C-alpha cells in the first residue's frame, strides 16, 4: 500500500473530504482520529488504522456522502485515482466490503438502540404530562 501513495498530515479541524464534492480520492487513515458528519451534524469518529474514506463515493459514482474532518492530528495515505486502485486490487475491495458490513451492522444496531432510548424518554415525558394533567383536573372544585 505504501508504494506510490503519498502520505499527508492534517491538523484538528482540517477537512479531508467535503459532502457533495467529487474528488476521486481515497484516503487511508494511518494514525489519528477523524470525524464524519452529514449536513453539518457529527455522526461518528473513527480512529482505526487502515480505515478508508471516500470509498462510497467511488463505488457508487456519487459525490461524497459525508464530510470527513480531522478530529485530532492525522496522518493518511492519499490514493489519487481511487476507482482505478479498487478495480485493480480485489483483496482491498474484499476487506473494504467486510469493513462496510461491520460498520453497517454496528451502525444499525447503535441507531436502533439510540432510537429506542429516545422513544422511551418521549413515552415517559408523555406519561408525566398526562399524570400532571389528571392531577390538575382532580383538584378542581366540583
C-alpha atoms as a PDB file:
ATOM      1  CA  UNK A   1       0.000   0.000   0.000  1.00  0.00           C
ATOM      2  CA  UNK A   2       2.933   2.345   0.580  1.00  0.00           C
ATOM      3  CA  UNK A   3       4.383   2.489  -2.915  1.00  0.00           C
ATOM      4  CA  UNK A   4       3.120   5.401  -4.967  1.00  0.00           C
ATOM      5  CA  UNK A   5       0.684   6.718  -2.397  1.00  0.00           C
ATOM      6  CA  UNK A   6       1.799   9.933  -0.752  1.00  0.00           C
ATOM      7  CA  UNK A   7       1.387  10.481   2.943  1.00  0.00           C
ATOM      8  CA  UNK A   8      -0.263  13.662   4.209  1.00  0.00           C
ATOM      9  CA  UNK A   9      -0.837  15.176   7.627  1.00  0.00           C
ATOM     10  CA  UNK A  10      -3.894  17.102   8.776  1.00  0.00           C
ATOM     11  CA  UNK A  11      -4.373  19.165  11.910  1.00  0.00           C
ATOM     12  CA  UNK A  12      -7.501  19.038  14.034  1.00  0.00           C
ATOM     13  CA  UNK A  13     -10.316  20.771  12.150  1.00  0.00           C
ATOM     14  CA  UNK A  14      -8.818  20.316   8.666  1.00  0.00           C
ATOM     15  CA  UNK A  15     -11.286  18.946   6.108  1.00  0.00           C
ATOM     16  CA  UNK A  16     -10.230  15.871   4.129  1.00  0.00           C
ATOM     17  CA  UNK A  17     -13.467  15.351   2.170  1.00  0.00           C
ATOM     18  CA  UNK A  18     -16.473  17.629   1.786  1.00  0.00           C
ATOM     19  CA  UNK A  19     -20.013  16.309   1.479  1.00  0.00           C
ATOM     20  CA  UNK A  20     -21.376  16.941  -2.018  1.00  0.00           C
ATOM     21  CA  UNK A  21     -17.998  17.271  -3.763  1.00  0.00           C
ATOM     22  CA  UNK A  22     -16.441  14.809  -6.207  1.00  0.00           C
ATOM     23  CA  UNK A  23     -12.714  14.202  -5.833  1.00  0.00           C
ATOM     24  CA  UNK A  24     -11.985  10.618  -6.869  1.00  0.00           C
ATOM     25  CA  UNK A  25      -9.667  10.475  -3.851  1.00  0.00           C
ATOM     26  CA  UNK A  26      -9.430   7.579  -1.459  1.00  0.00           C
ATOM     27  CA  UNK A  27      -7.877   8.174   1.961  1.00  0.00           C
ATOM     28  CA  UNK A  28      -6.380   5.530   4.241  1.00  0.00           C
ATOM     29  CA  UNK A  29      -6.003   6.503   7.888  1.00  0.00           C
ATOM     30  CA  UNK A  30      -2.549   5.774   9.307  1.00  0.00           C
ATOM     31  CA  UNK A  31      -2.970   7.414  12.696  1.00  0.00           C
ATOM     32  CA  UNK A  32      -5.184   9.937  14.415  1.00  0.00           C
ATOM     33  CA  UNK A  33      -8.939  10.333  14.552  1.00  0.00           C
ATOM     34  CA  UNK A  34     -11.399  11.746  12.033  1.00  0.00           C
ATOM     35  CA  UNK A  35     -14.956  12.961  12.457  1.00  0.00           C
ATOM     36  CA  UNK A  36     -17.652  12.009   9.964  1.00  0.00           C
ATOM     37  CA  UNK A  37     -20.547  14.451   9.600  1.00  0.00           C
ATOM     38  CA  UNK A  38     -23.622  14.721   7.386  1.00  0.00           C
ATOM     39  CA  UNK A  39     -25.390  18.039   6.836  1.00  0.00           C
ATOM     40  CA  UNK A  40     -23.022  19.583   9.419  1.00  0.00           C
ATOM     41  CA  UNK A  41     -24.205  17.089  12.056  1.00  0.00           C
ATOM     42  CA  UNK A  42     -21.431  14.942  13.611  1.00  0.00           C
ATOM     43  CA  UNK A  43     -22.237  11.261  13.094  1.00  0.00           C
ATOM     44  CA  UNK A  44     -19.190   9.415  14.432  1.00  0.00           C
ATOM     45  CA  UNK A  45     -15.443   9.486  14.915  1.00  0.00           C
ATOM     46  CA  UNK A  46     -13.069   6.857  13.562  1.00  0.00           C
ATOM     47  CA  UNK A  47      -9.535   6.097  14.708  1.00  0.00           C
ATOM     48  CA  UNK A  48      -8.970   2.623  13.228  1.00  0.00           C
ATOM     49  CA  UNK A  49      -5.653   2.478  11.404  1.00  0.00           C
ATOM     50  CA  UNK A  50      -6.363   1.319   7.854  1.00  0.00           C
ATOM     51  CA  UNK A  51      -9.871   2.792   7.710  1.00  0.00           C
ATOM     52  CA  UNK A  52     -10.714   4.184   4.266  1.00  0.00           C
ATOM     53  CA  UNK A  53     -12.621   7.348   3.388  1.00  0.00           C
ATOM     54  CA  UNK A  54     -14.028   8.334   0.013  1.00  0.00           C
ATOM     55  CA  UNK A  55     -14.854   4.727  -0.800  1.00  0.00           C
ATOM     56  CA  UNK A  56     -18.633   5.127  -1.009  1.00  0.00           C
ATOM     57  CA  UNK A  57     -18.394   7.997  -3.492  1.00  0.00           C
ATOM     58  CA  UNK A  58     -16.034   5.963  -5.656  1.00  0.00           C
ATOM     59  CA  UNK A  59     -18.017   2.721  -5.501  1.00  0.00           C
ATOM     60  CA  UNK A  60     -21.380   4.414  -6.116  1.00  0.00           C
ATOM     61  CA  UNK A  61     -20.056   7.064  -8.540  1.00  0.00           C
ATOM     62  CA  UNK A  62     -21.620   9.808  -6.433  1.00  0.00           C
ATOM     63  CA  UNK A  63     -20.408  12.965  -4.735  1.00  0.00           C
ATOM     64  CA  UNK A  64     -19.073  12.408  -1.225  1.00  0.00           C
ATOM     65  CA  UNK A  65     -21.935  11.437   1.065  1.00  0.00           C
ATOM     66  CA  UNK A  66     -20.355  12.943   4.183  1.00  0.00           C
ATOM     67  CA  UNK A  67     -17.697  15.383   5.313  1.00  0.00           C
ATOM     68  CA  UNK A  68     -14.557  13.904   6.849  1.00  0.00           C
ATOM     69  CA  UNK A  69     -12.643  16.241   9.139  1.00  0.00           C
ATOM     70  CA  UNK A  70      -9.514  15.655  11.236  1.00  0.00           C
ATOM     71  CA  UNK A  71     -10.681  15.363  14.840  1.00  0.00           C
ATOM     72  CA  UNK A  72      -7.108  15.087  16.077  1.00  0.00           C
ATOM     73  CA  UNK A  73      -3.822  15.424  14.223  1.00  0.00           C
ATOM     74  CA  UNK A  74      -3.971  12.741  11.490  1.00  0.00           C
ATOM     75  CA  UNK A  75      -1.659  11.015   9.082  1.00  0.00           C
ATOM     76  CA  UNK A  76      -3.204   9.468   5.970  1.00  0.00           C
ATOM     77  CA  UNK A  77      -2.224   7.995   2.641  1.00  0.00           C
ATOM     78  CA  UNK A  78      -3.917   9.577  -0.353  1.00  0.00           C
ATOM     79  CA  UNK A  79      -4.804   7.417  -3.338  1.00  0.00           C
ATOM     80  CA  UNK A  80      -5.326   9.819  -6.254  1.00  0.00           C
ATOM     81  CA  UNK A  81      -7.220   7.526  -8.615  1.00  0.00           C
ATOM     82  CA  UNK A  82      -9.367   5.605  -6.165  1.00  0.00           C
ATOM     83  CA  UNK A  83     -11.530   3.864  -8.774  1.00  0.00           C
ATOM     84  CA  UNK A  84      -8.516   2.503 -10.671  1.00  0.00           C
ATOM     85  CA  UNK A  85      -6.914   1.387  -7.420  1.00  0.00           C
ATOM     86  CA  UNK A  86     -10.008  -0.504  -6.268  1.00  0.00           C
ATOM     87  CA  UNK A  87     -10.576  -2.093  -9.678  1.00  0.00           C
ATOM     88  CA  UNK A  88      -7.037  -3.460  -9.719  1.00  0.00           C
ATOM     89  CA  UNK A  89      -6.950  -4.655  -6.080  1.00  0.00           C
ATOM     90  CA  UNK A  90      -9.736  -7.176  -5.382  1.00  0.00           C
ATOM     91  CA  UNK A  91      -8.271  -8.118  -1.990  1.00  0.00           C
ATOM     92  CA  UNK A  92      -8.543  -4.488  -0.873  1.00  0.00           C
ATOM     93  CA  UNK A  93     -12.154  -4.415  -2.114  1.00  0.00           C
ATOM     94  CA  UNK A  94     -12.887  -7.579  -0.108  1.00  0.00           C
ATOM     95  CA  UNK A  95     -11.520  -6.004   3.085  1.00  0.00           C
ATOM     96  CA  UNK A  96     -13.365  -2.774   2.311  1.00  0.00           C
ATOM     97  CA  UNK A  97     -16.642  -4.698   1.869  1.00  0.00           C
ATOM     98  CA  UNK A  98     -16.028  -6.524   5.142  1.00  0.00           C
ATOM     99  CA  UNK A  99     -15.365  -3.221   6.918  1.00  0.00           C
ATOM    100  CA  UNK A 100     -18.534  -1.709   5.400  1.00  0.00           C
ATOM    101  CA  UNK A 101     -20.584  -4.690   6.573  1.00  0.00           C
ATOM    102  CA  UNK A 102     -19.274  -4.299  10.128  1.00  0.00           C
ATOM    103  CA  UNK A 103     -19.926  -0.547  10.017  1.00  0.00           C
ATOM    104  CA  UNK A 104     -23.458  -1.164   8.800  1.00  0.00           C
ATOM    105  CA  UNK A 105     -24.165  -3.851  11.361  1.00  0.00           C
ATOM    106  CA  UNK A 106     -22.916  -1.851  14.338  1.00  0.00           C
ATOM    107  CA  UNK A 107     -24.235   1.419  12.967  1.00  0.00           C
ATOM    108  CA  UNK A 108     -27.726  -0.024  12.539  1.00  0.00           C
ATOM    109  CA  UNK A 109     -27.663  -1.647  15.965  1.00  0.00           C
ATOM    110  CA  UNK A 110     -26.444   1.510  17.683  1.00  0.00           C
ATOM    111  CA  UNK A 111     -29.003   3.590  15.798  1.00  0.00           C
ATOM    112  CA  UNK A 112     -31.855   1.290  16.848  1.00  0.00           C
ATOM    113  CA  UNK A 113     -30.723   1.271  20.487  1.00  0.00           C
ATOM    114  CA  UNK A 114     -30.481   5.074  20.470  1.00  0.00           C
ATOM    115  CA  UNK A 115     -33.887   5.396  18.796  1.00  0.00           C
ATOM    116  CA  UNK A 116     -35.442   3.012  21.326  1.00  0.00           C
ATOM    117  CA  UNK A 117     -33.993   5.058  24.203  1.00  0.00           C
ATOM    118  CA  UNK A 118     -35.373   8.273  22.723  1.00  0.00           C
ATOM    119  CA  UNK A 119     -38.811   6.681  22.308  1.00  0.00           C
ATOM    120  CA  UNK A 120     -38.720   5.520  25.932  1.00  0.00           C
ATOM    121  CA  UNK A 121     -37.796   9.059  27.021  1.00  0.00           C
ATOM    122  CA  UNK A 122     -40.662  10.534  24.983  1.00  0.00           C
ATOM    123  CA  UNK A 123     -43.074   7.924  26.366  1.00  0.00           C
ATOM    124  CA  UNK A 124     -42.003   8.784  29.914  1.00  0.00           C
ATOM    125  CA  UNK A 125     -42.444  12.510  29.247  1.00  0.00           C
ATOM    126  CA  UNK A 126     -45.937  11.923  27.830  1.00  0.00           C
ATOM    127  CA  UNK A 127     -46.906   9.810  30.848  1.00  0.00           C
ATOM    128  CA  UNK A 128     -45.644  12.547  33.156  1.00  0.00           C
ATOM    129  CA  UNK A 129     -47.608  15.222  31.287  1.00  0.00           C
ATOM    130  CA  UNK A 130     -50.796  13.135  31.334  1.00  0.00           C
ATOM    131  CA  UNK A 131     -50.354  12.364  35.023  1.00  0.00           C
ATOM    132  CA  UNK A 132     -49.834  16.069  35.728  1.00  0.00           C
ATOM    133  CA  UNK A 133     -52.996  16.952  33.777  1.00  0.00           C
ATOM    134  CA  UNK A 134     -55.094  14.366  35.667  1.00  0.00           C
ATOM    135  CA  UNK A 135     -53.735  15.663  38.959  1.00  0.00           C
ATOM    136  CA  UNK A 136     -54.718  19.208  37.969  1.00  0.00           C
ATOM    137  CA  UNK A 137     -58.216  18.073  36.971  1.00  0.00           C
ATOM    138  CA  UNK A 138     -58.782  16.165  40.222  1.00  0.00           C
ATOM    139  CA  UNK A 139     -58.149  19.269  42.358  1.00  0.00           C
ATOM    140  CA  UNK A 140     -60.702  21.396  40.505  1.00  0.00           C
ATOM    141  CA  UNK A 141     -63.829  22.211  42.565  1.00  0.00           C
ATOM    142  CA  UNK A 142     -66.985  20.325  41.607  1.00  0.00           C
END
